[in-house]
C-alpha atoms as a PDB file:
ATOM      1  CA  MET A   1      59.709-108.830 123.900  1.00  0.00           C
ATOM      2  CA  HIS A   2      58.943-107.148 120.404  1.00  0.00           C
ATOM      3  CA  SER A   3      55.989-108.077 118.701  1.00  0.00           C
ATOM      4  CA  HIS A   4      58.050-108.424 115.469  1.00  0.00           C
ATOM      5  CA  THR A   5      60.269-110.734 117.276  1.00  0.00           C
ATOM      6  CA  ARG A   6      57.761-113.012 118.630  1.00  0.00           C
ATOM      7  CA  ALA A   7      56.656-113.344 114.915  1.00  0.00           C
ATOM      8  CA  MET A   8      60.852-114.024 114.015  1.00  0.00           C
ATOM      9  CA  ILE A   9      60.464-116.843 116.467  1.00  0.00           C
ATOM     10  CA  ALA A  10      57.351-118.275 115.356  1.00  0.00           C
ATOM     11  CA  ALA A  11      58.255-118.547 111.570  1.00  0.00           C
ATOM     12  CA  ALA A  12      61.728-120.067 112.487  1.00  0.00           C
ATOM     13  CA  THR A  13      60.124-122.525 115.001  1.00  0.00           C
ATOM     14  CA  PHE A  14      57.740-123.495 111.788  1.00  0.00           C
ATOM     15  CA  ALA A  15      60.294-123.086 109.125  1.00  0.00           C
ATOM     16  CA  PHE A  16      62.598-125.600 111.772  1.00  0.00           C
ATOM     17  CA  ILE A  17      59.832-128.079 113.305  1.00  0.00           C
ATOM     18  CA  THR A  18      58.106-128.786 109.592  1.00  0.00           C
ATOM     19  CA  GLY A  19      61.001-128.379 107.390  1.00  0.00           C
ATOM     20  CA  LYS A  20      58.436-126.142 105.252  1.00  0.00           C
ATOM     21  CA  LYS A  21      58.932-122.580 103.973  1.00  0.00           C
ATOM     22  CA  VAL A  22      57.217-119.972 105.325  1.00  0.00           C
ATOM     23  CA  ALA A  23      55.349-117.533 103.106  1.00  0.00           C
ATOM     24  CA  GLY A  24      53.326-115.304 105.685  1.00  0.00           C
ATOM     25  CA  LEU A  25      52.034-115.257 109.243  1.00  0.00           C
ATOM     26  CA  TYR A  26      49.140-114.182 110.543  1.00  0.00           C
ATOM     27  CA  ASP A  27      49.045-112.745 114.155  1.00  0.00           C
ATOM     28  CA  HIS A  28      46.294-113.458 116.201  1.00  0.00           C
ATOM     29  CA  SER A  29      46.467-110.797 118.888  1.00  0.00           C
ATOM     30  CA  ALA A  30      47.389-107.913 116.411  1.00  0.00           C
ATOM     31  CA  GLY A  31      44.793-109.375 114.411  1.00  0.00           C
ATOM     32  CA  ARG A  32      46.900-108.663 110.852  1.00  0.00           C
ATOM     33  CA  ASP A  33      48.668-110.634 107.899  1.00  0.00           C
ATOM     34  CA  LEU A  34      52.537-110.040 108.226  1.00  0.00           C
ATOM     35  CA  ARG A  35      55.065-110.357 105.139  1.00  0.00           C
ATOM     36  CA  ILE A  36      57.603-112.976 107.204  1.00  0.00           C
ATOM     37  CA  ALA A  37      59.288-115.855 105.350  1.00  0.00           C
ATOM     38  CA  ALA A  38      61.483-118.191 106.516  1.00  0.00           C
ATOM     39  CA  GLU A  39      63.184-121.217 105.383  1.00  0.00           C
ATOM     40  CA  PHE A  40      65.420-123.743 107.232  1.00  0.00           C
ATOM     41  CA  ARG A  41      68.142-125.847 105.726  1.00  0.00           C
ATOM     42  CA  GLY A  42      70.931-127.652 107.635  1.00  0.00           C
ATOM     43  CA  LYS A  43      71.815-125.930 110.697  1.00  0.00           C
ATOM     44  CA  GLN A  44      71.274-122.370 108.652  1.00  0.00           C
ATOM     45  CA  LEU A  45      68.097-120.468 108.909  1.00  0.00           C
ATOM     46  CA  GLN A  46      67.130-117.747 106.559  1.00  0.00           C
ATOM     47  CA  GLY A  47      63.995-114.991 107.045  1.00  0.00           C
ATOM     48  CA  PHE A  48      62.989-111.613 106.006  1.00  0.00           C
ATOM     49  CA  ASP A  49      60.515-109.739 107.585  1.00  0.00           C
ATOM     50  CA  GLY A  50      59.081-107.727 104.812  1.00  0.00           C
ATOM     51  CA  ASP A  51      57.005-105.603 107.167  1.00  0.00           C
ATOM     52  CA  ARG A  52      60.556-103.859 108.600  1.00  0.00           C
ATOM     53  CA  GLY A  53      62.633-104.644 105.165  1.00  0.00           C
ATOM     54  CA  VAL A  54      65.087-106.637 107.446  1.00  0.00           C
ATOM     55  CA  LYS A  55      66.990-110.191 107.500  1.00  0.00           C
ATOM     56  CA  PHE A  56      66.865-112.359 109.765  1.00  0.00           C
ATOM     57  CA  GLY A  57      68.687-115.805 110.389  1.00  0.00           C
ATOM     58  CA  GLY A  58      71.832-117.216 111.414  1.00  0.00           C
ATOM     59  CA  THR A  59      73.566-120.884 112.160  1.00  0.00           C
ATOM     60  CA  LEU A  60      71.856-122.472 114.952  1.00  0.00           C
ATOM     61  CA  PRO A  61      71.449-122.281 118.213  1.00  0.00           C
ATOM     62  CA  GLU A  62      71.690-118.108 117.844  1.00  0.00           C
ATOM     63  CA  LEU A  63      69.314-116.414 115.024  1.00  0.00           C
ATOM     64  CA  ARG A  64      70.524-112.727 114.336  1.00  0.00           C
ATOM     65  CA  ASP A  65      67.972-109.748 113.701  1.00  0.00           C
ATOM     66  CA  GLU A  66      69.624-107.464 111.522  1.00  0.00           C
ATOM     67  CA  GLY A  67      67.193-104.667 112.540  1.00  0.00           C
ATOM     68  CA  ASP A  68      67.872-104.558 116.054  1.00  0.00           C
ATOM     69  CA  ARG A  69      71.201-105.788 115.590  1.00  0.00           C
ATOM     70  CA  THR A  70      70.168-108.674 119.045  1.00  0.00           C
ATOM     71  CA  PHE A  71      70.497-112.113 118.587  1.00  0.00           C
ATOM     72  CA  VAL A  72      68.134-114.680 120.171  1.00  0.00           C
ATOM     73  CA  SER A  73      68.980-118.301 121.298  1.00  0.00           C
ATOM     74  CA  PHE A  74      66.942-120.765 119.553  1.00  0.00           C
ATOM     75  CA  GLU A  75      67.187-124.747 120.927  1.00  0.00           C
ATOM     76  CA  SER A  76      64.659-127.361 120.334  1.00  0.00           C
ATOM     77  CA  ASP A  77      63.910-130.814 122.554  1.00  0.00           C
ATOM     78  CA  GLY A  78      62.025-132.387 119.824  1.00  0.00           C
ATOM     79  CA  SER A  79      58.227-130.656 119.388  1.00  0.00           C
ATOM     80  CA  THR A  80      59.368-127.534 121.136  1.00  0.00           C
ATOM     81  CA  VAL A  81      61.694-124.708 120.756  1.00  0.00           C
ATOM     82  CA  LYS A  82      63.375-122.179 123.806  1.00  0.00           C
ATOM     83  CA  GLY A  83      65.146-119.588 123.776  1.00  0.00           C
ATOM     84  CA  TYR A  84      66.204-116.025 125.273  1.00  0.00           C
ATOM     85  CA  ASP A  85      66.032-112.831 123.329  1.00  0.00           C
ATOM     86  CA  ARG A  86      68.784-110.936 124.560  1.00  0.00           C
ATOM     87  CA  GLY A  87      67.074-107.589 123.174  1.00  0.00           C
ATOM     88  CA  SER A  88      64.627-107.691 125.303  1.00  0.00           C
ATOM     89  CA  SER A  89      66.218-110.179 128.556  1.00  0.00           C
ATOM     90  CA  SER A  90      63.519-112.811 128.290  1.00  0.00           C
ATOM     91  CA  PHE A  91      63.055-116.207 127.825  1.00  0.00           C
ATOM     92  CA  TYR A  92      60.387-117.806 125.206  1.00  0.00           C
ATOM     93  CA  GLU A  93      58.676-121.317 124.308  1.00  0.00           C
ATOM     94  CA  ALA A  94      57.355-122.024 121.106  1.00  0.00           C
ATOM     95  CA  GLN A  95      55.118-125.200 119.877  1.00  0.00           C
ATOM     96  CA  VAL A  96      53.564-125.687 116.226  1.00  0.00           C
ATOM     97  CA  THR A  97      50.598-127.654 115.606  1.00  0.00           C
ATOM     98  CA  ASP A  98      48.285-128.028 112.697  1.00  0.00           C
ATOM     99  CA  GLY A  99      49.892-124.544 111.109  1.00  0.00           C
ATOM    100  CA  LEU A 100      49.149-123.108 114.305  1.00  0.00           C
ATOM    101  CA  VAL A 101      52.927-121.784 116.323  1.00  0.00           C
ATOM    102  CA  GLN A 102      51.976-120.626 119.826  1.00  0.00           C
ATOM    103  CA  VAL A 103      54.483-118.183 121.195  1.00  0.00           C
ATOM    104  CA  TYR A 104      54.978-118.209 125.115  1.00  0.00           C
ATOM    105  CA  ASP A 105      56.851-115.126 126.023  1.00  0.00           C
ATOM    106  CA  HIS A 106      58.154-115.057 129.825  1.00  0.00           C
ATOM    107  CA  GLY A 107      58.839-111.083 129.878  1.00  0.00           C
ATOM    108  CA  PRO A 108      54.679-110.591 130.208  1.00  0.00           C
ATOM    109  CA  ALA A 109      53.997-114.409 130.564  1.00  0.00           C
ATOM    110  CA  ALA A 110      51.787-114.734 127.775  1.00  0.00           C
ATOM    111  CA  TRP A 111      50.685-116.632 124.712  1.00  0.00           C
ATOM    112  CA  PHE A 112      50.839-115.515 121.373  1.00  0.00           C
ATOM    113  CA  ALA A 113      49.396-117.374 118.300  1.00  0.00           C
ATOM    114  CA  TYR A 114      50.245-117.210 114.613  1.00  0.00           C
ATOM    115  CA  ASP A 115      48.923-119.015 111.350  1.00  0.00           C
ATOM    116  CA  VAL A 116      51.209-119.728 109.471  1.00  0.00           C
ATOM    117  CA  GLN A 117      50.995-119.585 105.374  1.00  0.00           C
ATOM    118  CA  ASP A 118      53.251-121.920 104.186  1.00  0.00           C
ATOM    119  CA  ALA A 119      55.078-121.876 100.720  1.00  0.00           C
ATOM    120  CA  GLU A 120      53.625-125.167  99.490  1.00  0.00           C
ATOM    121  CA  SER A 121      50.157-123.928 100.203  1.00  0.00           C
ATOM    122  CA  ALA A 122      50.697-120.344  99.330  1.00  0.00           C
ATOM    123  CA  SER A 123      51.537-121.722  95.447  1.00  0.00           C
ATOM    124  CA  SER A 124      48.791-124.199  95.334  1.00  0.00           C
ATOM    125  CA  TYR A 125      46.383-121.643  96.588  1.00  0.00           C
ATOM    126  CA  HIS A 126      47.315-119.104  93.651  1.00  0.00           C
ATOM    127  CA  ARG A 127      47.559-121.951  91.066  1.00  0.00           C
ATOM    128  CA  GLY A 128      43.615-123.061  92.092  1.00  0.00           C
ATOM    129  CA  ALA A 129      42.583-119.237  91.826  1.00  0.00           C
ATOM    130  CA  ALA A 130      44.514-119.175  88.431  1.00  0.00           C
ATOM    131  CA  ASP A 131      42.383-121.909  87.260  1.00  0.00           C
ATOM    132  CA  GLY A 132      39.058-120.612  88.492  1.00  0.00           C
ATOM    133  CA  ARG A 133      39.180-122.699  91.854  1.00  0.00           C
END
């Protein structure tokens, strides 16, 4: 699975499980911040990968990556999301714990971790920085 697909899954999982908007991710395996946003409303997920300049999202249980022009299945069984990336023909699982999303990619049989910057935290941080806090 592509690293950008795992990041898309991480952002989508956080938005879906918590109901909060994603304003960015920190990819621990790459050691860098990712410009990625996601929001979940009803059965619709909307997202934008700023590093690639492409949209992703759709009506669950399917997400479309406009950049790769592929679909990823996305199904929840409570606090865990599972699915299949048609682009790489590989399965994944994802879970959220305290602002950290872990994605298990069955292709390389490895875990990948992402810290989430949610929109509420980002706006309160910027307000605090403007106030000199």
